[in-house]
N, C-alpha and C. Protein backbone atom coordinates (compact mmCIF):
# COMPACT_ATOMS: atom_id res chain seq x y z
N MET A 1 1.06 109.35 113.37
CA MET A 1 0.88 108.13 112.80
C MET A 1 2.35 107.28 112.76
N LEU A 2 3.45 108.16 112.61
CA LEU A 2 4.58 107.43 112.49
C LEU A 2 5.12 106.72 113.78
N MET A 3 4.81 107.51 114.87
CA MET A 3 5.00 106.80 116.26
C MET A 3 4.23 105.70 116.46
N ARG A 4 2.87 105.75 116.20
CA ARG A 4 1.99 104.75 116.39
C ARG A 4 2.48 103.48 115.61
N GLY A 5 2.88 103.77 114.34
CA GLY A 5 3.36 102.70 113.50
C GLY A 5 4.68 102.08 114.08
N GLY A 6 5.46 102.79 114.67
CA GLY A 6 6.72 102.16 115.45
C GLY A 6 6.26 101.21 116.44
N GLN A 7 5.23 101.85 117.19
CA GLN A 7 4.73 100.98 118.48
C GLN A 7 3.98 99.74 118.00
N LEU A 8 3.10 99.85 116.83
CA LEU A 8 2.59 98.67 116.38
C LEU A 8 3.52 97.60 115.82
N TYR A 9 4.69 98.04 115.40
CA TYR A 9 5.75 97.16 114.88
C TYR A 9 6.36 96.49 116.04
N ASP A 10 6.49 97.29 117.22
CA ASP A 10 7.14 96.75 118.26
C ASP A 10 6.22 95.75 119.14
N TRP A 11 5.05 96.07 119.27
CA TRP A 11 4.20 95.20 120.16
C TRP A 11 2.76 95.55 119.85
N TYR A 12 2.28 95.31 118.84
CA TYR A 12 0.87 95.70 118.28
C TYR A 12 -0.23 95.44 119.44
N TYR A 13 -0.25 94.20 119.92
CA TYR A 13 -1.41 93.85 120.56
C TYR A 13 -1.47 94.56 122.10
N GLN A 14 -0.56 95.35 122.37
CA GLN A 14 -0.65 96.15 123.48
C GLN A 14 -1.47 97.57 123.31
N ILE A 15 -1.60 97.88 122.08
CA ILE A 15 -2.26 99.13 121.75
C ILE A 15 -3.49 98.99 120.73
N THR A 16 -3.68 97.84 119.98
CA THR A 16 -4.62 97.88 119.02
C THR A 16 -5.86 97.32 119.57
N GLN A 17 -6.95 97.60 118.96
CA GLN A 17 -8.32 97.17 119.44
C GLN A 17 -8.77 95.95 118.78
N GLY A 18 -8.01 95.48 117.75
CA GLY A 18 -8.36 94.35 116.89
C GLY A 18 -8.21 93.15 117.51
N ASP A 19 -8.57 92.06 116.81
CA ASP A 19 -8.36 90.62 117.30
C ASP A 19 -6.87 90.38 117.40
N ILE A 20 -6.43 89.54 118.37
CA ILE A 20 -5.23 88.93 118.46
C ILE A 20 -5.24 87.58 118.28
N PRO A 21 -4.42 87.14 117.18
CA PRO A 21 -4.42 85.71 116.81
C PRO A 21 -3.74 84.90 118.00
N LYS A 22 -4.34 83.76 118.28
CA LYS A 22 -3.72 82.94 119.27
C LYS A 22 -2.78 81.86 118.60
N LYS A 23 -3.13 81.57 117.41
CA LYS A 23 -2.30 80.36 116.78
C LYS A 23 -0.98 80.97 116.37
N THR A 24 0.04 80.23 116.22
CA THR A 24 1.39 80.71 115.83
C THR A 24 1.44 81.05 114.32
N HIS A 25 2.09 82.18 114.13
CA HIS A 25 2.04 82.72 112.62
C HIS A 25 2.59 81.75 111.73
N ALA A 26 2.15 81.67 110.54
CA ALA A 26 2.56 80.49 109.55
C ALA A 26 4.00 80.80 109.20
N LEU A 27 4.56 81.99 109.23
CA LEU A 27 5.99 82.31 108.84
C LEU A 27 6.96 81.99 109.91
N MET A 28 6.52 81.77 111.13
CA MET A 28 7.45 81.65 112.24
C MET A 28 8.05 80.26 112.07
N PRO A 29 9.45 80.27 112.06
CA PRO A 29 10.28 78.95 111.92
C PRO A 29 9.91 77.99 112.95
N ALA A 30 9.63 76.85 112.75
CA ALA A 30 9.40 75.77 113.82
C ALA A 30 10.39 75.62 114.92
N ASP A 31 11.76 75.95 114.53
CA ASP A 31 12.85 75.81 115.42
C ASP A 31 13.06 77.14 116.26
N ALA A 32 12.33 78.09 116.08
CA ALA A 32 12.48 79.37 116.63
C ALA A 32 12.20 79.30 118.26
N GLY A 33 11.43 78.31 118.62
CA GLY A 33 11.05 78.07 120.09
C GLY A 33 9.91 79.05 120.39
N GLN A 34 9.26 79.69 119.58
CA GLN A 34 8.16 80.62 119.76
C GLN A 34 6.80 80.08 119.46
N SER A 35 5.71 80.44 120.10
CA SER A 35 4.44 79.99 119.51
C SER A 35 3.40 81.07 120.08
N GLY A 36 2.23 81.02 119.49
CA GLY A 36 1.18 81.69 119.92
C GLY A 36 1.22 83.30 119.56
N LYS A 37 0.49 84.09 120.14
CA LYS A 37 0.29 85.47 119.81
C LYS A 37 1.61 86.25 119.61
N LYS A 38 2.72 86.08 120.39
CA LYS A 38 3.94 86.76 120.16
C LYS A 38 4.66 86.48 118.89
N THR A 39 4.26 85.46 118.10
CA THR A 39 4.71 85.37 116.86
C THR A 39 4.27 86.24 115.83
N TRP A 40 3.11 86.94 116.20
CA TRP A 40 2.54 87.96 115.30
C TRP A 40 3.24 89.36 115.44
N ARG A 41 4.16 89.52 116.31
CA ARG A 41 4.87 90.81 116.47
C ARG A 41 5.90 91.05 115.45
N CYS A 42 5.78 92.12 114.68
CA CYS A 42 6.65 92.27 113.57
C CYS A 42 8.10 92.35 113.98
N SER A 43 8.30 92.86 115.19
CA SER A 43 9.70 92.96 115.68
C SER A 43 10.21 91.59 116.02
N GLY A 44 9.49 90.58 116.29
CA GLY A 44 9.89 89.33 116.67
C GLY A 44 10.63 88.56 115.50
N CYS A 45 10.05 88.92 114.16
CA CYS A 45 10.68 88.34 113.00
C CYS A 45 11.64 89.22 112.26
N HIS A 46 11.34 90.37 112.18
CA HIS A 46 12.27 91.33 111.45
C HIS A 46 13.20 92.18 112.29
N GLY A 47 13.23 92.07 113.53
CA GLY A 47 14.21 92.64 114.53
C GLY A 47 14.04 94.04 114.71
N PHE A 48 14.57 94.57 115.73
CA PHE A 48 14.68 96.01 116.07
C PHE A 48 15.81 96.69 115.28
N ASN A 49 16.70 95.95 114.57
CA ASN A 49 17.68 96.45 113.77
C ASN A 49 16.95 96.54 112.29
N TYR A 50 15.86 95.93 112.08
CA TYR A 50 15.14 95.97 110.88
C TYR A 50 15.77 95.10 109.67
N ALA A 51 16.90 94.31 110.15
CA ALA A 51 17.52 93.44 109.20
C ALA A 51 17.03 92.01 109.28
N GLY A 52 16.21 91.71 110.14
CA GLY A 52 15.82 90.31 110.16
C GLY A 52 16.29 89.53 111.13
N ASP A 53 15.38 88.71 111.86
CA ASP A 53 15.82 87.82 112.95
C ASP A 53 15.26 86.37 112.59
N LEU A 54 15.83 85.49 113.25
CA LEU A 54 15.20 84.09 113.15
C LEU A 54 15.34 83.55 111.78
N GLY A 55 16.30 84.03 110.91
CA GLY A 55 16.48 83.63 109.64
C GLY A 55 15.45 84.25 108.67
N LEU A 56 14.68 85.14 109.11
CA LEU A 56 13.61 85.86 108.16
C LEU A 56 14.09 87.06 107.74
N PRO A 57 13.70 87.54 106.52
CA PRO A 57 14.28 88.68 106.04
C PRO A 57 13.78 90.06 106.78
N GLY A 58 14.68 91.04 106.57
CA GLY A 58 14.39 92.18 107.24
C GLY A 58 13.36 93.12 106.46
N ILE A 59 13.24 94.33 106.92
CA ILE A 59 12.25 95.26 106.22
C ILE A 59 12.97 96.47 105.72
N ILE A 60 14.31 96.55 105.94
CA ILE A 60 15.16 97.71 105.34
C ILE A 60 14.91 97.85 103.94
N SER A 61 14.78 96.86 103.17
CA SER A 61 14.61 97.02 101.74
C SER A 61 13.11 97.57 101.45
N ALA A 62 12.24 97.63 102.25
CA ALA A 62 10.88 98.26 102.03
C ALA A 62 11.05 99.65 102.48
N ALA A 63 12.01 100.26 103.10
CA ALA A 63 12.04 101.68 103.48
C ALA A 63 12.01 102.53 102.13
N GLY A 64 11.18 103.56 102.16
CA GLY A 64 11.07 104.25 100.96
C GLY A 64 9.86 103.89 100.11
N LYS A 65 9.41 102.73 100.11
CA LYS A 65 8.33 102.36 99.38
C LYS A 65 7.03 102.88 99.86
N SER A 66 6.13 102.91 98.96
CA SER A 66 4.89 103.61 99.29
C SER A 66 4.15 102.87 100.59
N PRO A 67 3.48 103.59 101.41
CA PRO A 67 2.80 102.89 102.49
C PRO A 67 1.79 101.95 101.86
N ASP A 68 1.23 102.28 100.78
CA ASP A 68 0.23 101.26 100.13
C ASP A 68 0.87 99.95 99.78
N ALA A 69 2.01 99.99 99.14
CA ALA A 69 2.69 98.84 98.81
C ALA A 69 3.13 97.99 100.19
N ILE A 70 3.37 98.65 101.14
CA ILE A 70 3.73 97.79 102.26
C ILE A 70 2.45 97.30 102.92
N ILE A 71 1.39 98.10 102.90
CA ILE A 71 0.06 97.59 103.36
C ILE A 71 -0.31 96.35 102.65
N ALA A 72 -0.14 96.31 101.29
CA ALA A 72 -0.45 95.20 100.49
C ALA A 72 0.37 93.85 101.04
N ILE A 73 1.72 94.16 101.43
CA ILE A 73 2.35 93.08 101.91
C ILE A 73 1.96 92.58 103.21
N LEU A 74 1.57 93.44 104.01
CA LEU A 74 0.98 92.99 105.40
C LEU A 74 -0.32 92.20 105.19
N LYS A 75 -1.19 92.76 104.14
CA LYS A 75 -2.44 91.80 103.86
C LYS A 75 -2.30 90.61 103.06
N ASP A 76 -1.12 90.33 102.52
CA ASP A 76 -0.85 89.26 101.40
C ASP A 76 -1.15 87.94 102.29
N ALA A 77 -1.32 86.83 101.57
CA ALA A 77 -1.54 85.52 102.06
C ALA A 77 -0.38 85.00 102.97
N LYS A 78 0.90 85.58 102.70
CA LYS A 78 1.92 85.02 103.56
C LYS A 78 1.95 85.75 105.04
N HIS A 79 1.76 87.03 104.99
CA HIS A 79 1.73 87.69 106.37
C HIS A 79 0.27 87.64 107.04
N ASN A 80 -0.85 87.78 106.24
CA ASN A 80 -2.14 87.47 106.79
C ASN A 80 -2.74 88.34 107.82
N TYR A 81 -2.21 89.69 107.72
CA TYR A 81 -2.81 90.59 108.70
C TYR A 81 -4.15 91.08 108.02
N THR A 82 -5.21 90.91 108.85
CA THR A 82 -6.55 91.18 108.30
C THR A 82 -7.13 92.46 108.87
N ASP A 83 -8.20 92.85 108.41
CA ASP A 83 -9.09 93.88 108.95
C ASP A 83 -9.64 93.68 110.32
N ALA A 84 -9.70 92.36 110.74
CA ALA A 84 -10.01 91.91 112.13
C ALA A 84 -8.89 92.27 113.01
N ILE A 85 -7.69 92.20 112.64
CA ILE A 85 -6.58 92.51 113.65
C ILE A 85 -6.13 94.02 113.53
N PHE A 86 -6.09 94.62 112.30
CA PHE A 86 -5.69 96.02 112.40
C PHE A 86 -6.79 96.87 111.75
N THR A 87 -7.04 98.05 112.27
CA THR A 87 -7.93 99.00 111.59
C THR A 87 -7.16 99.71 110.40
N ASP A 88 -7.98 100.36 109.74
CA ASP A 88 -7.28 101.13 108.51
C ASP A 88 -6.25 101.94 109.10
N GLU A 89 -6.46 102.73 110.08
CA GLU A 89 -5.49 103.58 110.82
C GLU A 89 -4.23 102.93 111.09
N ASP A 90 -4.40 101.66 111.73
CA ASP A 90 -3.23 100.85 112.00
C ASP A 90 -2.50 100.51 110.88
N PHE A 91 -3.06 100.00 109.76
CA PHE A 91 -2.41 99.69 108.57
C PHE A 91 -1.66 100.84 107.91
N GLN A 92 -2.28 101.97 108.11
CA GLN A 92 -1.69 103.17 107.52
C GLN A 92 -0.52 103.64 108.34
N SER A 93 -0.50 103.50 109.69
CA SER A 93 0.41 103.91 110.70
C SER A 93 1.76 102.93 110.43
N LEU A 94 1.55 101.51 110.20
CA LEU A 94 2.52 100.54 109.98
C LEU A 94 3.13 100.81 108.62
N GLY A 95 2.36 101.23 107.56
CA GLY A 95 2.88 101.34 106.30
C GLY A 95 3.79 102.58 106.30
N LEU A 96 3.39 103.59 106.97
CA LEU A 96 4.17 104.92 107.13
C LEU A 96 5.48 104.56 107.84
N PHE A 97 5.33 103.73 108.96
CA PHE A 97 6.54 103.52 109.79
C PHE A 97 7.58 102.69 108.89
N VAL A 98 7.24 101.75 108.09
CA VAL A 98 8.24 101.06 107.28
C VAL A 98 8.72 102.04 106.26
N SER A 99 7.88 102.81 105.66
CA SER A 99 8.26 103.68 104.55
C SER A 99 9.15 104.80 105.03
N LYS A 100 8.87 105.42 106.08
CA LYS A 100 9.54 106.59 106.53
C LYS A 100 10.41 106.45 107.87
N GLY A 101 10.09 105.51 108.65
CA GLY A 101 10.79 105.39 110.05
C GLY A 101 11.89 104.35 110.13
N VAL A 102 12.06 103.45 109.05
CA VAL A 102 12.94 102.38 109.23
C VAL A 102 14.34 102.89 108.66
N THR A 103 15.28 102.72 109.47
CA THR A 103 16.67 103.20 109.09
C THR A 103 17.65 101.91 109.17
N ASP A 104 18.53 101.90 108.27
CA ASP A 104 19.65 100.88 108.38
C ASP A 104 20.51 101.27 109.57
N LEU A 105 20.48 100.57 110.76
CA LEU A 105 21.14 100.94 111.87
C LEU A 105 22.56 100.70 111.86
N SER A 106 23.02 99.87 110.80
CA SER A 106 24.54 99.63 110.76
C SER A 106 25.21 100.87 110.11
N LYS A 107 24.31 101.86 109.76
CA LYS A 107 25.01 102.96 109.10
C LYS A 107 24.93 104.32 109.95
N VAL A 108 24.46 104.09 111.26
CA VAL A 108 24.16 105.19 111.98
C VAL A 108 25.29 105.30 113.11
N SER A 109 25.82 106.54 113.48
CA SER A 109 26.67 106.65 114.59
C SER A 109 26.26 108.10 115.16
N GLY A 110 26.45 108.10 116.52
CA GLY A 110 25.97 109.33 117.16
C GLY A 110 27.18 109.97 117.84
N ASP A 111 26.87 111.16 118.45
CA ASP A 111 27.77 112.00 119.10
C ASP A 111 27.48 112.13 120.57
N ALA A 112 28.10 111.33 121.51
CA ALA A 112 27.85 111.30 122.85
C ALA A 112 27.70 112.62 123.56
N ALA A 113 28.54 113.68 123.14
CA ALA A 113 28.59 114.94 123.72
C ALA A 113 27.27 115.78 123.54
N LYS A 114 26.92 115.67 122.32
CA LYS A 114 25.60 116.07 121.94
C LYS A 114 24.43 115.32 122.59
N GLY A 115 24.43 114.05 122.59
CA GLY A 115 23.55 113.28 123.20
C GLY A 115 23.33 113.59 124.75
N GLN A 116 24.47 113.82 125.50
CA GLN A 116 24.45 114.28 126.82
C GLN A 116 23.43 115.37 127.16
N GLY A 117 23.70 116.44 126.28
CA GLY A 117 22.88 117.73 126.35
C GLY A 117 21.35 117.31 126.05
N TYR A 118 21.10 116.49 124.91
CA TYR A 118 19.50 116.08 124.78
C TYR A 118 19.13 115.25 126.04
N PHE A 119 19.91 114.31 126.50
CA PHE A 119 19.65 113.44 127.57
C PHE A 119 19.31 114.35 128.76
N GLU A 120 20.15 115.33 129.10
CA GLU A 120 19.89 116.14 130.40
C GLU A 120 18.70 117.06 130.15
N THR A 121 18.25 117.20 128.90
CA THR A 121 17.20 118.19 128.68
C THR A 121 15.88 117.31 128.56
N ILE A 122 15.85 116.14 127.93
CA ILE A 122 14.69 115.39 127.64
C ILE A 122 14.41 114.34 128.60
N CYS A 123 15.48 113.55 129.02
CA CYS A 123 15.48 112.24 129.67
C CYS A 123 15.61 112.24 131.19
N LEU A 124 16.30 113.37 131.66
CA LEU A 124 16.91 113.42 132.94
C LEU A 124 15.82 113.28 134.08
N SER A 125 14.64 114.00 133.97
CA SER A 125 13.75 114.01 134.90
C SER A 125 13.12 112.58 135.27
N CYS A 126 13.18 111.71 134.34
CA CYS A 126 12.55 110.44 134.66
C CYS A 126 13.74 109.45 134.91
N HIS A 127 14.73 109.47 134.13
CA HIS A 127 15.85 108.42 134.19
C HIS A 127 17.01 108.85 135.28
N GLY A 128 17.11 110.07 135.58
CA GLY A 128 18.03 110.49 136.54
C GLY A 128 19.36 110.84 135.70
N LEU A 129 20.31 111.55 136.35
CA LEU A 129 21.57 111.76 135.78
C LEU A 129 22.36 110.57 135.38
N ASP A 130 22.33 109.47 136.19
CA ASP A 130 23.10 108.27 136.01
C ASP A 130 22.39 107.15 135.44
N GLY A 131 21.04 107.37 135.09
CA GLY A 131 20.18 106.49 134.49
C GLY A 131 19.71 105.47 135.32
N LYS A 132 19.79 105.57 136.64
CA LYS A 132 19.23 104.76 137.58
C LYS A 132 18.02 105.15 138.45
N LYS A 133 17.40 106.17 138.03
CA LYS A 133 16.22 106.84 138.83
C LYS A 133 15.00 105.76 138.80
N ILE A 134 14.73 105.11 137.63
CA ILE A 134 13.63 104.30 137.55
C ILE A 134 14.09 102.92 138.24
N THR A 135 13.55 102.66 139.35
CA THR A 135 14.01 101.42 140.01
C THR A 135 13.44 100.14 139.73
N ASP A 136 12.37 100.01 138.91
CA ASP A 136 11.77 98.74 138.59
C ASP A 136 12.44 98.29 137.28
N MET A 137 13.43 98.86 136.86
CA MET A 137 14.22 98.41 135.70
C MET A 137 15.74 98.45 135.94
N PRO A 138 16.44 97.56 135.15
CA PRO A 138 17.95 97.80 135.25
C PRO A 138 18.37 99.22 135.01
N PRO A 139 19.70 99.53 135.44
CA PRO A 139 20.21 100.93 135.10
C PRO A 139 20.09 100.93 133.50
N LEU A 140 19.82 102.07 133.03
CA LEU A 140 19.63 102.49 131.65
C LEU A 140 20.84 102.20 130.85
N GLY A 141 22.08 102.33 131.26
CA GLY A 141 23.32 102.08 130.69
C GLY A 141 23.30 100.42 130.38
N ALA A 142 22.85 99.59 131.32
CA ALA A 142 22.67 98.17 131.16
C ALA A 142 21.79 97.75 130.10
N VAL A 143 20.55 98.33 130.19
CA VAL A 143 19.59 98.12 129.07
C VAL A 143 20.08 98.31 127.75
N ILE A 144 20.67 99.48 127.52
CA ILE A 144 21.09 99.91 126.14
C ILE A 144 22.14 98.94 125.68
N SER A 145 23.13 98.61 126.74
CA SER A 145 24.25 97.74 126.27
C SER A 145 23.60 96.38 125.94
N LYS A 146 22.67 95.81 126.70
CA LYS A 146 22.28 94.33 126.43
C LYS A 146 21.33 94.45 125.10
N LEU A 147 20.55 95.40 124.86
CA LEU A 147 19.42 95.38 123.87
C LEU A 147 19.60 96.79 123.11
N PRO A 148 20.71 97.00 122.40
CA PRO A 148 20.97 98.28 121.66
C PRO A 148 19.96 98.76 120.62
N ASP A 149 19.60 97.66 119.80
CA ASP A 149 18.71 98.00 118.69
C ASP A 149 17.27 98.35 119.19
N ARG A 150 16.88 97.42 120.13
CA ARG A 150 15.43 97.65 120.74
C ARG A 150 15.39 99.15 121.51
N SER A 151 16.57 99.31 122.19
CA SER A 151 16.65 100.61 122.81
C SER A 151 16.58 101.61 121.99
N LEU A 152 17.19 101.80 120.85
CA LEU A 152 17.11 102.84 120.00
C LEU A 152 15.77 102.98 119.39
N HIS A 153 15.07 101.82 118.94
CA HIS A 153 13.68 101.76 118.51
C HIS A 153 12.87 102.52 119.49
N ARG A 154 12.92 102.20 120.78
CA ARG A 154 12.16 102.73 121.77
C ARG A 154 12.40 104.04 122.08
N ILE A 155 13.77 104.55 121.88
CA ILE A 155 14.01 106.15 122.14
C ILE A 155 13.21 106.68 121.06
N ARG A 156 13.17 106.29 119.95
CA ARG A 156 12.56 106.77 118.75
C ARG A 156 10.96 106.91 118.74
N PHE A 157 10.50 105.62 119.17
CA PHE A 157 9.00 105.48 119.01
C PHE A 157 8.36 105.16 120.43
N SER A 158 8.99 105.04 121.65
CA SER A 158 8.58 104.70 122.78
C SER A 158 8.12 103.28 122.82
N LYS A 159 7.61 102.79 124.05
CA LYS A 159 7.19 101.43 124.14
C LYS A 159 5.65 101.48 124.21
N PRO A 160 4.92 100.70 123.49
CA PRO A 160 3.54 100.58 123.55
C PRO A 160 3.02 100.67 125.09
N GLY A 161 2.13 101.47 125.25
CA GLY A 161 1.59 101.73 126.62
C GLY A 161 2.47 102.36 127.60
N ASP A 162 3.62 102.88 127.26
CA ASP A 162 4.55 103.42 128.19
C ASP A 162 4.35 105.01 128.06
N SER A 163 4.61 105.60 129.15
CA SER A 163 4.65 107.20 129.14
C SER A 163 5.80 107.78 128.71
N MET A 164 6.77 107.10 128.33
CA MET A 164 8.09 107.66 127.82
C MET A 164 7.81 108.39 126.57
N PRO A 165 8.33 109.74 126.28
CA PRO A 165 8.06 110.44 125.11
C PRO A 165 8.90 109.84 124.09
N ALA A 166 8.41 109.81 122.86
CA ALA A 166 9.03 109.36 121.73
C ALA A 166 9.61 110.49 121.03
N LEU A 167 10.88 110.31 120.50
CA LEU A 167 11.65 111.36 119.75
C LEU A 167 11.57 111.38 118.24
N ALA A 168 10.57 110.46 117.84
CA ALA A 168 10.25 110.36 116.39
C ALA A 168 10.03 111.69 115.64
N ALA A 169 9.49 112.65 116.22
CA ALA A 169 9.28 113.82 115.64
C ALA A 169 10.39 114.90 115.49
N LEU A 170 11.55 114.39 116.09
CA LEU A 170 12.86 115.14 116.10
C LEU A 170 13.68 114.42 114.93
N PRO A 171 14.73 115.13 114.43
CA PRO A 171 15.61 114.31 113.48
C PRO A 171 16.17 113.08 114.09
N LEU A 172 16.49 112.14 113.21
CA LEU A 172 17.01 110.89 113.70
C LEU A 172 18.30 111.07 114.52
N ASP A 173 19.21 111.98 114.08
CA ASP A 173 20.41 112.13 114.78
C ASP A 173 20.31 112.54 116.24
N VAL A 174 19.18 113.16 116.60
CA VAL A 174 19.03 113.55 118.00
C VAL A 174 18.80 112.16 118.73
N ALA A 175 17.91 111.23 118.41
CA ALA A 175 17.74 109.93 118.98
C ALA A 175 18.91 109.19 119.00
N VAL A 176 19.70 109.13 117.94
CA VAL A 176 21.08 108.45 117.95
C VAL A 176 21.84 109.03 118.90
N ASP A 177 22.06 110.30 118.98
CA ASP A 177 22.92 110.93 119.89
C ASP A 177 22.55 110.49 121.42
N VAL A 178 21.31 110.54 121.67
CA VAL A 178 20.74 110.26 123.05
C VAL A 178 21.18 108.94 123.22
N TRP A 179 21.03 107.94 122.43
CA TRP A 179 21.33 106.48 122.43
C TRP A 179 22.80 106.28 122.76
N THR A 180 23.63 107.06 121.98
CA THR A 180 25.01 106.94 122.02
C THR A 180 25.44 107.49 123.43
N TYR A 181 24.96 108.43 123.88
CA TYR A 181 25.31 108.92 125.20
C TYR A 181 24.76 107.83 126.28
N ALA A 182 23.66 107.47 126.28
CA ALA A 182 23.00 106.59 127.15
C ALA A 182 23.92 105.16 127.28
N LYS A 183 24.65 104.86 126.34
CA LYS A 183 25.36 103.68 126.33
C LYS A 183 26.58 103.94 127.28
N THR A 184 26.94 105.16 127.45
CA THR A 184 28.15 105.48 128.48
C THR A 184 27.73 105.47 129.99
N LEU A 185 26.44 105.38 130.16
CA LEU A 185 25.88 105.44 131.57
C LEU A 185 26.32 104.17 132.40
N PRO A 186 26.27 104.27 133.66
CA PRO A 186 26.64 103.02 134.51
C PRO A 186 25.92 101.96 134.19
N GLN A 187 26.46 100.74 134.27
CA GLN A 187 25.71 99.46 133.88
C GLN A 187 25.24 98.88 135.09
N GLU A 188 25.72 99.27 136.32
CA GLU A 188 25.42 98.58 137.50
C GLU A 188 24.85 99.66 138.42
């Protein structure tokens, strides 16, 4: 459930069976330059660093709260996520993710040497030794350098609809070490 919650936070309408609102979310700032269904992505407002984007608050302060309290926030009049959008399992997964999966990324640091060992065990077969094996995306080192917070989130929880394994079942420091090492990979 934790991994699914992380994926729902990232890009819920890639994996949920619920309705996808077409109108712009009421909390989306008018000057954000965004409209429609993408404004309902949690990550679009609260960021992949969980500290908030677009002038909106983050969700770090909700880490450790009960999943039920978080679900109540998701269902409140401001957020307006309904049973037509999320199933009970979706709500439980998102609540668990915010409660147990959110970390203050400004307080994490990794060990690139340990990360290399994990990378060469877990990631090498798909990404290659230099992070360039997947040819329909930029080199992994470039992706991580350009989008570090999103990259760490996706190392931990994978991308909705993607075959990449999520490391959420492993201790956080494993994902952070992989992320730290991957930043050293070639950018071009």
